[in-house]
């Protein structure tokens, strides 16, 4: 009689000791042999199925790992591209804003000249009247720049703020209410789209 031994996917047929067993007839031996062949075939098929399943599981695990790595790389690339787009847009806006600020700074002295002429013309007995034509040109220029976001700071009577004002001198305050406040504005400050582009030069009461 033979016994099937399964070890590391190898089938070993081992002869069993039959010293204590009696003789068997031909039919019995044939039945046992057929049973052994069926058992051997089933064992082989089981071993092959287990090996195939193990191989498929390994391949599936590798595919899942590759998928996760590719997904991670894709998400990183998308995030980097979005950051690049935002950075590019921000840089373009900064360039446009910087160019606008430079243009406005160049025009501010012209507005200062208009302000001085206007203030002089309003003095009593002024010999330099601010004509209607000049007023119209000044107002048109002022309105055009205002439409682009340029606005002057209102300083007179306001509390002195070093973030907005540059004190060029201090004088005794005309009254108690003007102590620590702007008494006079020598040169107006301006904001462009809520960003300060020039401090107001002011006289502060003490």
N, C-alpha and C. Protein backbone atom coordinates (compact mmCIF):
# COMPACT_ATOMS: atom_id res chain seq x y z
N UNK A 1 0.86 -1.19 0.00
CA UNK A 1 0.00 0.00 0.00
C UNK A 1 0.89 1.24 0.00
N UNK A 2 0.37 2.35 -0.65
CA UNK A 2 1.14 3.58 -0.77
C UNK A 2 0.38 4.72 -0.11
N UNK A 3 1.11 5.67 0.45
CA UNK A 3 0.51 6.84 1.13
C UNK A 3 1.04 8.11 0.48
N UNK A 4 0.14 9.13 0.30
CA UNK A 4 0.52 10.39 -0.35
C UNK A 4 1.02 11.35 0.72
N UNK A 5 2.26 11.86 0.56
CA UNK A 5 2.85 12.83 1.49
C UNK A 5 3.01 14.15 0.73
N UNK A 6 2.38 15.32 1.25
CA UNK A 6 2.48 16.64 0.59
C UNK A 6 3.46 17.50 1.38
N UNK A 7 4.54 17.86 0.71
CA UNK A 7 5.54 18.70 1.39
C UNK A 7 6.12 19.67 0.38
N UNK A 8 5.87 21.04 0.64
CA UNK A 8 6.38 22.10 -0.23
C UNK A 8 5.96 21.87 -1.67
N UNK A 9 4.67 21.62 -1.86
CA UNK A 9 4.05 21.45 -3.17
C UNK A 9 4.62 20.26 -3.94
N UNK A 10 5.30 19.34 -3.29
CA UNK A 10 5.81 18.15 -3.95
C UNK A 10 5.08 16.94 -3.39
N UNK A 11 4.75 16.06 -4.27
CA UNK A 11 4.04 14.85 -3.85
C UNK A 11 5.04 13.71 -3.77
N UNK A 12 5.05 13.07 -2.62
CA UNK A 12 5.97 11.95 -2.43
C UNK A 12 5.14 10.70 -2.12
N UNK A 13 5.42 9.70 -2.82
CA UNK A 13 4.70 8.43 -2.60
C UNK A 13 5.59 7.57 -1.72
N UNK A 14 5.06 7.21 -0.60
CA UNK A 14 5.84 6.45 0.38
C UNK A 14 5.20 5.08 0.54
N UNK A 15 6.04 4.14 0.52
CA UNK A 15 5.56 2.77 0.70
C UNK A 15 5.33 2.53 2.18
N UNK A 16 4.18 2.07 2.51
CA UNK A 16 3.80 1.85 3.91
C UNK A 16 4.15 0.40 4.31
N UNK A 17 4.52 0.31 5.52
CA UNK A 17 4.92 -1.00 6.05
C UNK A 17 3.70 -1.90 6.10
N UNK A 18 3.81 -3.05 5.50
CA UNK A 18 2.67 -3.96 5.43
C UNK A 18 3.00 -5.31 6.10
N UNK A 19 3.94 -5.32 7.00
CA UNK A 19 4.32 -6.59 7.62
C UNK A 19 3.18 -7.24 8.36
N UNK A 20 2.36 -6.37 9.04
CA UNK A 20 1.31 -6.93 9.88
C UNK A 20 -0.02 -7.08 9.16
N UNK A 21 -0.06 -6.75 7.84
CA UNK A 21 -1.33 -6.84 7.12
C UNK A 21 -1.31 -8.06 6.22
N UNK A 22 -2.45 -8.65 6.06
CA UNK A 22 -2.55 -9.87 5.28
C UNK A 22 -2.60 -9.61 3.80
N UNK A 23 -2.56 -10.64 2.99
CA UNK A 23 -2.62 -10.50 1.52
C UNK A 23 -3.98 -9.99 1.09
N UNK A 24 -4.00 -9.22 -0.01
CA UNK A 24 -5.24 -8.65 -0.53
C UNK A 24 -5.46 -9.21 -1.92
N UNK A 25 -6.74 -9.36 -2.28
CA UNK A 25 -7.04 -9.88 -3.62
C UNK A 25 -6.86 -8.79 -4.67
N UNK A 26 -6.96 -9.17 -5.91
CA UNK A 26 -6.68 -8.26 -7.02
C UNK A 26 -7.67 -7.13 -7.08
N UNK A 27 -8.96 -7.41 -6.83
CA UNK A 27 -10.00 -6.36 -6.91
C UNK A 27 -9.77 -5.30 -5.84
N UNK A 28 -9.41 -5.74 -4.65
CA UNK A 28 -9.18 -4.78 -3.56
C UNK A 28 -8.00 -3.89 -3.87
N UNK A 29 -6.91 -4.53 -4.40
CA UNK A 29 -5.74 -3.74 -4.77
C UNK A 29 -6.07 -2.72 -5.86
N UNK A 30 -6.91 -3.14 -6.83
CA UNK A 30 -7.30 -2.23 -7.92
C UNK A 30 -8.09 -1.04 -7.39
N UNK A 31 -9.02 -1.32 -6.47
CA UNK A 31 -9.83 -0.23 -5.90
C UNK A 31 -8.94 0.76 -5.13
N UNK A 32 -8.00 0.20 -4.34
CA UNK A 32 -7.12 1.08 -3.58
C UNK A 32 -6.25 1.92 -4.51
N UNK A 33 -5.79 1.30 -5.61
CA UNK A 33 -4.94 2.02 -6.56
C UNK A 33 -5.71 3.14 -7.25
N UNK A 34 -6.99 2.87 -7.61
CA UNK A 34 -7.82 3.89 -8.24
C UNK A 34 -8.09 5.04 -7.27
N UNK A 35 -8.35 4.68 -5.99
CA UNK A 35 -8.57 5.72 -4.99
C UNK A 35 -7.33 6.57 -4.79
N UNK A 36 -6.16 5.90 -4.85
CA UNK A 36 -4.91 6.65 -4.69
C UNK A 36 -4.70 7.61 -5.85
N UNK A 37 -5.00 7.16 -7.08
CA UNK A 37 -4.83 8.02 -8.26
C UNK A 37 -5.75 9.25 -8.17
N UNK A 38 -6.99 9.05 -7.74
CA UNK A 38 -7.93 10.18 -7.62
C UNK A 38 -7.47 11.15 -6.55
N UNK A 39 -7.00 10.61 -5.43
CA UNK A 39 -6.53 11.46 -4.34
C UNK A 39 -5.29 12.26 -4.76
N UNK A 40 -4.40 11.57 -5.51
CA UNK A 40 -3.19 12.25 -5.99
C UNK A 40 -3.55 13.38 -6.94
N UNK A 41 -4.48 13.14 -7.85
CA UNK A 41 -4.90 14.17 -8.82
C UNK A 41 -5.53 15.36 -8.11
N UNK A 42 -6.38 15.07 -7.10
CA UNK A 42 -7.03 16.15 -6.35
C UNK A 42 -6.00 16.98 -5.59
N UNK A 43 -5.01 16.29 -5.01
CA UNK A 43 -3.97 17.00 -4.25
C UNK A 43 -3.15 17.90 -5.16
N UNK A 44 -2.82 17.38 -6.35
CA UNK A 44 -2.05 18.18 -7.33
C UNK A 44 -2.84 19.39 -7.77
N UNK A 45 -4.14 19.17 -8.06
CA UNK A 45 -4.98 20.29 -8.49
C UNK A 45 -5.09 21.34 -7.39
N UNK A 46 -5.23 20.89 -6.14
CA UNK A 46 -5.32 21.83 -5.02
C UNK A 46 -4.03 22.64 -4.89
N UNK A 47 -2.90 21.95 -5.02
CA UNK A 47 -1.61 22.64 -4.91
C UNK A 47 -1.45 23.67 -6.01
N UNK A 48 -1.85 23.29 -7.24
CA UNK A 48 -1.75 24.24 -8.36
C UNK A 48 -2.67 25.44 -8.16
N UNK A 49 -3.90 25.16 -7.65
CA UNK A 49 -4.85 26.25 -7.41
C UNK A 49 -4.29 27.22 -6.36
N UNK A 50 -3.71 26.67 -5.30
CA UNK A 50 -3.15 27.52 -4.25
C UNK A 50 -1.98 28.35 -4.78
N UNK A 51 -1.14 27.73 -5.61
CA UNK A 51 -0.01 28.47 -6.18
C UNK A 51 -0.49 29.58 -7.11
N UNK A 52 -1.51 29.26 -7.93
CA UNK A 52 -2.05 30.27 -8.85
C UNK A 52 -2.68 31.43 -8.07
N UNK A 53 -3.43 31.08 -7.01
CA UNK A 53 -4.07 32.11 -6.19
C UNK A 53 -3.02 33.01 -5.53
N UNK A 54 -1.96 32.36 -5.04
CA UNK A 54 -0.89 33.13 -4.40
C UNK A 54 -0.22 34.08 -5.40
N UNK A 55 0.00 33.58 -6.63
CA UNK A 55 0.60 34.41 -7.68
C UNK A 55 -0.29 35.59 -8.04
N UNK A 56 -1.60 35.32 -8.18
CA UNK A 56 -2.56 36.38 -8.51
C UNK A 56 -2.63 37.43 -7.40
N UNK A 57 -2.60 36.97 -6.15
CA UNK A 57 -2.62 37.91 -5.03
C UNK A 57 -1.39 38.81 -5.04
N UNK A 58 -0.24 38.21 -5.36
CA UNK A 58 1.00 39.00 -5.44
C UNK A 58 0.93 40.04 -6.56
N UNK A 59 0.42 39.60 -7.72
CA UNK A 59 0.29 40.53 -8.85
C UNK A 59 -0.70 41.65 -8.53
N UNK A 60 -1.82 41.29 -7.88
CA UNK A 60 -2.81 42.29 -7.51
C UNK A 60 -2.23 43.31 -6.52
N UNK A 61 -1.48 42.83 -5.54
CA UNK A 61 -0.87 43.73 -4.56
C UNK A 61 0.11 44.68 -5.25
N UNK A 62 0.88 44.16 -6.22
CA UNK A 62 1.84 45.00 -6.95
C UNK A 62 1.10 46.05 -7.77
N UNK A 63 0.02 45.64 -8.45
CA UNK A 63 -0.77 46.59 -9.24
C UNK A 63 -1.38 47.68 -8.37
N UNK A 64 -1.89 47.29 -7.20
CA UNK A 64 -2.45 48.28 -6.29
C UNK A 64 -1.39 49.27 -5.82
N UNK A 65 -0.19 48.75 -5.51
CA UNK A 65 0.89 49.63 -5.08
C UNK A 65 1.29 50.59 -6.20
N UNK A 66 1.39 50.06 -7.44
CA UNK A 66 1.74 50.91 -8.59
C UNK A 66 0.67 51.97 -8.81
N UNK A 67 -0.60 51.56 -8.64
CA UNK A 67 -1.71 52.50 -8.81
C UNK A 67 -1.64 53.63 -7.80
N UNK A 68 -1.37 53.30 -6.55
CA UNK A 68 -1.28 54.32 -5.51
C UNK A 68 -0.12 55.27 -5.77
N UNK A 69 1.02 54.73 -6.24
CA UNK A 69 2.17 55.58 -6.53
C UNK A 69 1.87 56.53 -7.68
N UNK A 70 1.23 56.02 -8.74
CA UNK A 70 0.88 56.86 -9.88
C UNK A 70 -0.15 57.92 -9.49
N UNK A 71 -1.11 57.52 -8.65
CA UNK A 71 -2.13 58.47 -8.19
C UNK A 71 -1.49 59.59 -7.38
N UNK A 72 -0.55 59.21 -6.50
CA UNK A 72 0.13 60.21 -5.68
C UNK A 72 0.94 61.18 -6.55
N UNK A 73 1.64 60.64 -7.55
CA UNK A 73 2.41 61.49 -8.45
C UNK A 73 1.50 62.43 -9.23
N UNK A 74 0.36 61.90 -9.68
CA UNK A 74 -0.60 62.73 -10.43
C UNK A 74 -1.13 63.87 -9.58
N UNK A 75 -1.52 63.57 -8.35
CA UNK A 75 -2.05 64.60 -7.46
C UNK A 75 -0.99 65.66 -7.15
N UNK A 76 0.27 65.21 -6.99
CA UNK A 76 1.35 66.17 -6.74
C UNK A 76 1.55 67.09 -7.94
N UNK A 77 1.50 66.50 -9.14
CA UNK A 77 1.68 67.30 -10.35
C UNK A 77 0.55 68.32 -10.50
N UNK A 78 -0.68 67.89 -10.23
CA UNK A 78 -1.83 68.80 -10.32
C UNK A 78 -1.67 69.95 -9.32
N UNK A 79 -1.28 69.62 -8.09
CA UNK A 79 -1.11 70.65 -7.06
C UNK A 79 -0.01 71.63 -7.45
N UNK A 80 1.10 71.10 -7.96
CA UNK A 80 2.20 71.97 -8.38
C UNK A 80 1.79 72.88 -9.53
N UNK A 81 1.00 72.35 -10.47
CA UNK A 81 0.55 73.15 -11.60
C UNK A 81 -0.40 74.25 -11.15
N UNK A 82 -1.30 73.93 -10.21
CA UNK A 82 -2.21 74.94 -9.68
C UNK A 82 -1.43 76.03 -8.95
N UNK A 83 -0.44 75.65 -8.17
CA UNK A 83 0.40 76.64 -7.49
C UNK A 83 1.14 77.51 -8.50
N UNK A 84 1.61 76.89 -9.57
CA UNK A 84 2.31 77.64 -10.62
C UNK A 84 1.38 78.65 -11.27
N UNK A 85 0.15 78.25 -11.56
CA UNK A 85 -0.81 79.17 -12.17
C UNK A 85 -1.12 80.33 -11.25
N UNK A 86 -1.36 80.03 -9.97
CA UNK A 86 -1.65 81.10 -9.01
C UNK A 86 -0.47 82.05 -8.86
N UNK A 87 0.74 81.46 -8.81
CA UNK A 87 1.93 82.29 -8.67
C UNK A 87 2.13 83.18 -9.90
N UNK A 88 1.87 82.63 -11.09
CA UNK A 88 2.02 83.40 -12.32
C UNK A 88 1.02 84.54 -12.38
N UNK A 89 -0.24 84.25 -12.01
CA UNK A 89 -1.27 85.30 -12.01
C UNK A 89 -0.91 86.39 -11.00
N UNK A 90 -0.45 85.99 -9.81
CA UNK A 90 -0.08 86.96 -8.78
C UNK A 90 1.09 87.82 -9.25
N UNK A 91 2.07 87.20 -9.90
CA UNK A 91 3.22 87.96 -10.39
C UNK A 91 2.80 88.97 -11.46
N UNK A 92 1.88 88.56 -12.33
CA UNK A 92 1.40 89.48 -13.37
C UNK A 92 0.65 90.65 -12.75
N UNK A 93 -0.19 90.33 -11.75
CA UNK A 93 -0.93 91.41 -11.08
C UNK A 93 0.02 92.35 -10.35
N UNK A 94 1.06 91.79 -9.74
CA UNK A 94 2.05 92.62 -9.05
C UNK A 94 2.77 93.53 -10.03
N UNK A 95 3.10 92.98 -11.21
CA UNK A 95 3.77 93.79 -12.23
C UNK A 95 2.88 94.93 -12.71
N UNK A 96 1.59 94.60 -12.93
CA UNK A 96 0.65 95.63 -13.37
C UNK A 96 0.49 96.69 -12.29
N UNK A 97 0.36 96.23 -11.04
CA UNK A 97 0.20 97.17 -9.93
C UNK A 97 1.43 98.04 -9.77
N UNK A 98 2.62 97.43 -9.91
CA UNK A 98 3.86 98.19 -9.78
C UNK A 98 3.99 99.24 -10.87
N UNK A 99 3.63 98.85 -12.10
CA UNK A 99 3.68 99.80 -13.21
C UNK A 99 2.70 100.94 -12.99
N UNK A 100 1.50 100.61 -12.47
CA UNK A 100 0.50 101.65 -12.20
C UNK A 100 0.98 102.60 -11.12
N UNK A 101 1.60 102.05 -10.08
CA UNK A 101 2.12 102.89 -9.00
C UNK A 101 3.20 103.84 -9.51
N UNK A 102 4.08 103.34 -10.36
CA UNK A 102 5.14 104.18 -10.90
C UNK A 102 4.55 105.31 -11.75
N UNK A 103 3.54 104.96 -12.55
CA UNK A 103 2.89 105.99 -13.38
C UNK A 103 2.23 107.05 -12.52
N UNK A 104 1.53 106.61 -11.48
CA UNK A 104 0.85 107.56 -10.61
C UNK A 104 1.85 108.44 -9.86
N UNK A 105 2.95 107.87 -9.43
CA UNK A 105 3.95 108.67 -8.70
C UNK A 105 4.53 109.77 -9.60
N UNK A 106 4.67 109.46 -10.88
CA UNK A 106 5.17 110.47 -11.82
C UNK A 106 4.17 111.62 -11.97
N UNK A 107 2.87 111.31 -11.87
CA UNK A 107 1.83 112.34 -12.06
C UNK A 107 1.55 113.14 -10.79
N UNK A 108 1.94 112.61 -9.63
CA UNK A 108 1.63 113.30 -8.38
C UNK A 108 2.21 114.72 -8.30
N UNK A 109 3.43 114.96 -8.75
CA UNK A 109 3.94 116.34 -8.71
C UNK A 109 3.09 117.31 -9.53
N UNK A 110 2.49 116.82 -10.61
CA UNK A 110 1.62 117.68 -11.41
C UNK A 110 0.38 118.06 -10.60
N UNK A 111 -0.17 117.07 -9.89
CA UNK A 111 -1.32 117.38 -9.02
C UNK A 111 -0.91 118.34 -7.92
N UNK A 112 0.30 118.16 -7.39
CA UNK A 112 0.79 119.08 -6.35
C UNK A 112 0.85 120.52 -6.89
N UNK A 113 1.33 120.67 -8.13
CA UNK A 113 1.40 122.01 -8.72
C UNK A 113 0.01 122.61 -8.87
N UNK A 114 -0.95 121.79 -9.29
CA UNK A 114 -2.32 122.27 -9.40
C UNK A 114 -2.84 122.71 -8.04
N UNK A 115 -2.55 121.90 -7.01
CA UNK A 115 -3.02 122.23 -5.67
C UNK A 115 -2.43 123.57 -5.19
N UNK A 116 -1.15 123.79 -5.46
CA UNK A 116 -0.50 125.02 -5.02
C UNK A 116 -1.10 126.24 -5.73
N UNK A 117 -1.28 126.12 -7.04
CA UNK A 117 -1.85 127.22 -7.81
C UNK A 117 -3.28 127.51 -7.34
N UNK A 118 -4.03 126.44 -7.10
CA UNK A 118 -5.40 126.61 -6.65
C UNK A 118 -5.44 127.29 -5.28
N UNK A 119 -4.56 126.82 -4.35
CA UNK A 119 -4.52 127.42 -3.01
C UNK A 119 -4.09 128.88 -3.09
N UNK A 120 -3.13 129.19 -3.96
CA UNK A 120 -2.67 130.58 -4.11
C UNK A 120 -3.76 131.47 -4.68
N UNK A 121 -4.52 130.94 -5.62
CA UNK A 121 -5.57 131.75 -6.25
C UNK A 121 -6.71 132.06 -5.29
N UNK A 122 -6.85 131.24 -4.23
CA UNK A 122 -7.94 131.44 -3.27
C UNK A 122 -7.56 132.41 -2.16
N UNK A 123 -6.31 132.85 -2.14
CA UNK A 123 -5.90 133.82 -1.13
C UNK A 123 -6.51 135.20 -1.44
N UNK A 124 -6.77 136.00 -0.40
CA UNK A 124 -7.30 137.35 -0.64
C UNK A 124 -6.33 138.19 -1.48
N UNK A 125 -6.89 138.97 -2.38
CA UNK A 125 -6.10 139.86 -3.26
C UNK A 125 -5.08 139.10 -4.11
N UNK A 126 -5.39 137.85 -4.48
CA UNK A 126 -4.49 137.06 -5.30
C UNK A 126 -4.42 137.64 -6.71
N UNK A 127 -3.19 137.68 -7.26
CA UNK A 127 -3.01 138.20 -8.62
C UNK A 127 -2.95 137.05 -9.64
N UNK A 128 -3.10 135.80 -9.14
CA UNK A 128 -3.08 134.63 -10.03
C UNK A 128 -4.39 133.86 -9.90
N UNK A 129 -5.44 134.36 -10.52
CA UNK A 129 -6.73 133.66 -10.41
C UNK A 129 -6.67 132.29 -11.09
N UNK A 130 -7.44 131.38 -10.51
CA UNK A 130 -7.54 130.01 -11.05
C UNK A 130 -8.70 130.03 -12.05
N UNK A 131 -8.38 130.17 -13.32
CA UNK A 131 -9.42 130.35 -14.33
C UNK A 131 -10.31 129.13 -14.43
N UNK A 132 -11.49 129.34 -15.02
CA UNK A 132 -12.44 128.24 -15.18
C UNK A 132 -11.87 127.15 -16.08
N UNK A 133 -11.11 127.56 -17.09
CA UNK A 133 -10.51 126.57 -17.99
C UNK A 133 -9.52 125.68 -17.26
N UNK A 134 -8.69 126.31 -16.44
CA UNK A 134 -7.71 125.53 -15.66
C UNK A 134 -8.42 124.63 -14.66
N UNK A 135 -9.48 125.12 -14.05
CA UNK A 135 -10.25 124.32 -13.12
C UNK A 135 -10.81 123.08 -13.80
N UNK A 136 -11.30 123.25 -15.02
CA UNK A 136 -11.88 122.13 -15.77
C UNK A 136 -10.80 121.08 -16.09
N UNK A 137 -9.62 121.55 -16.49
CA UNK A 137 -8.53 120.62 -16.81
C UNK A 137 -8.10 119.86 -15.55
N UNK A 138 -7.97 120.62 -14.45
CA UNK A 138 -7.57 120.00 -13.17
C UNK A 138 -8.60 118.96 -12.74
N UNK A 139 -9.87 119.32 -12.81
CA UNK A 139 -10.92 118.41 -12.37
C UNK A 139 -10.98 117.17 -13.25
N UNK A 140 -10.76 117.34 -14.54
CA UNK A 140 -10.78 116.20 -15.46
C UNK A 140 -9.62 115.25 -15.15
N UNK A 141 -8.44 115.82 -14.93
CA UNK A 141 -7.27 115.00 -14.60
C UNK A 141 -7.50 114.28 -13.28
N UNK A 142 -8.01 115.01 -12.29
CA UNK A 142 -8.25 114.41 -10.98
C UNK A 142 -9.25 113.27 -11.06
N UNK A 143 -10.35 113.49 -11.78
CA UNK A 143 -11.39 112.46 -11.91
C UNK A 143 -10.88 111.23 -12.68
N UNK A 144 -10.05 111.48 -13.68
CA UNK A 144 -9.50 110.36 -14.47
C UNK A 144 -8.60 109.48 -13.61
N UNK A 145 -7.75 110.12 -12.81
CA UNK A 145 -6.87 109.36 -11.93
C UNK A 145 -7.66 108.66 -10.83
N UNK A 146 -8.71 109.32 -10.34
CA UNK A 146 -9.55 108.70 -9.32
C UNK A 146 -10.24 107.46 -9.85
N UNK A 147 -10.61 107.48 -11.13
CA UNK A 147 -11.26 106.30 -11.73
C UNK A 147 -10.31 105.11 -11.81
N UNK A 148 -9.00 105.39 -11.76
CA UNK A 148 -7.99 104.33 -11.78
C UNK A 148 -7.59 103.89 -10.38
N UNK A 149 -8.26 104.45 -9.37
CA UNK A 149 -8.01 104.02 -7.99
C UNK A 149 -7.17 104.96 -7.17
N UNK A 150 -6.79 106.13 -7.74
CA UNK A 150 -5.95 107.08 -7.01
C UNK A 150 -6.83 108.04 -6.22
N UNK A 151 -6.62 108.09 -4.90
CA UNK A 151 -7.40 108.96 -4.04
C UNK A 151 -6.48 109.66 -3.04
N UNK A 152 -6.73 110.96 -2.78
CA UNK A 152 -5.90 111.69 -1.82
C UNK A 152 -6.32 111.38 -0.39
N UNK A 153 -5.37 111.53 0.54
CA UNK A 153 -5.67 111.36 1.95
C UNK A 153 -6.18 112.68 2.52
N UNK A 154 -7.20 112.60 3.32
CA UNK A 154 -7.68 113.78 4.04
C UNK A 154 -6.94 113.84 5.36
N UNK A 155 -6.10 114.87 5.53
CA UNK A 155 -5.21 114.90 6.69
C UNK A 155 -5.56 115.97 7.71
N UNK A 156 -5.96 117.14 7.26
CA UNK A 156 -6.19 118.25 8.19
C UNK A 156 -7.22 117.88 9.25
N UNK A 157 -6.83 118.13 10.51
CA UNK A 157 -7.74 117.83 11.62
C UNK A 157 -7.71 116.38 12.06
N UNK A 158 -6.99 115.52 11.34
CA UNK A 158 -6.90 114.10 11.70
C UNK A 158 -5.78 113.88 12.71
N UNK A 159 -5.96 112.87 13.55
CA UNK A 159 -4.89 112.51 14.49
C UNK A 159 -3.65 112.07 13.72
N UNK A 160 -2.49 112.51 14.20
CA UNK A 160 -1.26 112.16 13.50
C UNK A 160 -1.05 110.65 13.53
N UNK A 161 -0.82 110.09 12.34
CA UNK A 161 -0.61 108.65 12.19
C UNK A 161 0.66 108.43 11.38
N UNK A 162 1.71 107.94 12.01
CA UNK A 162 2.98 107.73 11.28
C UNK A 162 2.85 106.76 10.12
N UNK A 163 1.80 105.95 10.12
CA UNK A 163 1.59 105.04 8.99
C UNK A 163 1.11 105.79 7.75
N UNK A 164 0.52 106.97 7.98
CA UNK A 164 -0.04 107.75 6.87
C UNK A 164 0.64 109.10 6.68
N UNK A 165 1.16 109.64 7.77
CA UNK A 165 1.68 111.01 7.74
C UNK A 165 3.18 111.06 7.98
N UNK A 166 3.81 112.07 7.39
CA UNK A 166 5.22 112.38 7.64
C UNK A 166 5.28 113.80 8.22
N UNK A 167 5.63 113.91 9.48
CA UNK A 167 5.65 115.22 10.13
C UNK A 167 6.92 115.96 9.75
N UNK A 168 6.74 117.14 9.14
CA UNK A 168 7.91 117.93 8.76
C UNK A 168 8.24 118.96 9.83
N UNK A 169 7.24 119.29 10.67
CA UNK A 169 7.50 120.20 11.79
C UNK A 169 6.34 120.14 12.77
N UNK A 170 6.57 120.69 13.96
CA UNK A 170 5.53 120.82 14.97
C UNK A 170 5.38 122.30 15.34
N UNK A 171 4.16 122.70 15.57
CA UNK A 171 3.90 124.08 15.99
C UNK A 171 2.93 124.04 17.17
N UNK A 172 2.89 125.12 17.96
CA UNK A 172 1.90 125.15 19.04
C UNK A 172 0.49 125.02 18.45
N UNK A 173 -0.29 124.14 19.04
CA UNK A 173 -1.65 123.91 18.53
C UNK A 173 -2.50 125.16 18.73
N UNK A 174 -3.26 125.59 17.71
CA UNK A 174 -4.12 126.75 17.85
C UNK A 174 -5.14 126.59 18.97
N UNK A 175 -5.55 125.36 19.24
CA UNK A 175 -6.47 125.09 20.34
C UNK A 175 -6.22 123.68 20.87
N UNK A 176 -6.86 123.38 21.98
CA UNK A 176 -6.64 122.09 22.64
C UNK A 176 -7.04 120.92 21.75
N UNK A 177 -8.06 121.14 20.93
CA UNK A 177 -8.55 120.04 20.08
C UNK A 177 -7.54 119.59 19.03
N UNK A 178 -6.59 120.46 18.66
CA UNK A 178 -5.64 120.14 17.60
C UNK A 178 -4.30 119.61 18.14
N UNK A 179 -4.20 119.44 19.44
CA UNK A 179 -2.96 118.88 19.98
C UNK A 179 -2.81 117.41 19.53
N UNK A 180 -1.66 117.13 18.95
CA UNK A 180 -1.41 115.77 18.45
C UNK A 180 -2.11 115.48 17.14
N UNK A 181 -2.65 116.52 16.53
CA UNK A 181 -3.36 116.35 15.25
C UNK A 181 -2.69 117.16 14.15
N UNK A 182 -3.11 116.89 12.92
CA UNK A 182 -2.55 117.59 11.77
C UNK A 182 -3.16 118.99 11.69
N UNK A 183 -2.30 119.99 11.77
CA UNK A 183 -2.77 121.37 11.69
C UNK A 183 -2.83 121.82 10.24
N UNK A 184 -1.84 121.41 9.46
CA UNK A 184 -1.80 121.82 8.05
C UNK A 184 -1.14 120.73 7.23
N UNK A 185 -1.53 120.62 5.95
CA UNK A 185 -0.95 119.64 5.04
C UNK A 185 -0.12 120.37 4.00
N UNK A 186 1.17 120.09 3.99
CA UNK A 186 2.07 120.73 3.03
C UNK A 186 2.03 120.01 1.69
N UNK A 187 1.95 118.70 1.74
CA UNK A 187 1.87 117.90 0.51
C UNK A 187 0.95 116.72 0.76
N UNK A 188 -0.05 116.61 -0.06
CA UNK A 188 -1.06 115.57 0.18
C UNK A 188 -0.51 114.16 -0.04
N UNK A 189 -1.00 113.25 0.78
CA UNK A 189 -0.68 111.85 0.59
C UNK A 189 -1.71 111.20 -0.32
N UNK A 190 -1.34 110.07 -0.91
CA UNK A 190 -2.24 109.41 -1.86
C UNK A 190 -2.24 107.90 -1.64
N UNK A 191 -3.40 107.31 -1.93
CA UNK A 191 -3.55 105.86 -1.95
C UNK A 191 -3.93 105.43 -3.36
N UNK A 192 -3.44 104.27 -3.74
CA UNK A 192 -3.82 103.68 -5.02
C UNK A 192 -4.45 102.32 -4.74
N UNK A 193 -5.76 102.24 -5.00
CA UNK A 193 -6.49 101.00 -4.70
C UNK A 193 -6.28 100.57 -3.26
N UNK A 194 -6.45 101.53 -2.35
CA UNK A 194 -6.34 101.32 -0.90
C UNK A 194 -4.92 101.00 -0.43
N UNK A 195 -3.92 101.17 -1.29
CA UNK A 195 -2.54 100.97 -0.89
C UNK A 195 -1.83 102.32 -0.90
N UNK A 196 -1.20 102.64 0.22
CA UNK A 196 -0.53 103.92 0.34
C UNK A 196 0.69 103.97 -0.59
N UNK A 197 0.74 105.00 -1.44
CA UNK A 197 1.88 105.15 -2.34
C UNK A 197 2.69 106.40 -2.01
N UNK A 198 2.12 107.30 -1.17
CA UNK A 198 2.89 108.44 -0.71
C UNK A 198 2.32 108.96 0.60
N UNK A 199 3.21 109.16 1.58
CA UNK A 199 2.78 109.74 2.85
C UNK A 199 2.46 111.22 2.68
N UNK A 200 1.53 111.69 3.49
CA UNK A 200 1.22 113.13 3.50
C UNK A 200 2.25 113.84 4.36
N UNK A 201 2.78 114.94 3.83
CA UNK A 201 3.72 115.77 4.62
C UNK A 201 2.90 116.81 5.37
N UNK A 202 2.99 116.76 6.68
CA UNK A 202 2.05 117.56 7.49
C UNK A 202 2.77 118.34 8.60
N UNK A 203 2.03 119.33 9.11
CA UNK A 203 2.44 120.09 10.29
C UNK A 203 1.58 119.62 11.44
N UNK A 204 2.21 119.28 12.57
CA UNK A 204 1.48 118.70 13.69
C UNK A 204 1.44 119.70 14.85
N UNK A 205 0.28 119.77 15.48
CA UNK A 205 0.10 120.64 16.64
C UNK A 205 0.63 119.97 17.89
N UNK A 206 1.22 120.80 18.78
CA UNK A 206 1.74 120.25 20.03
C UNK A 206 1.27 121.09 21.21
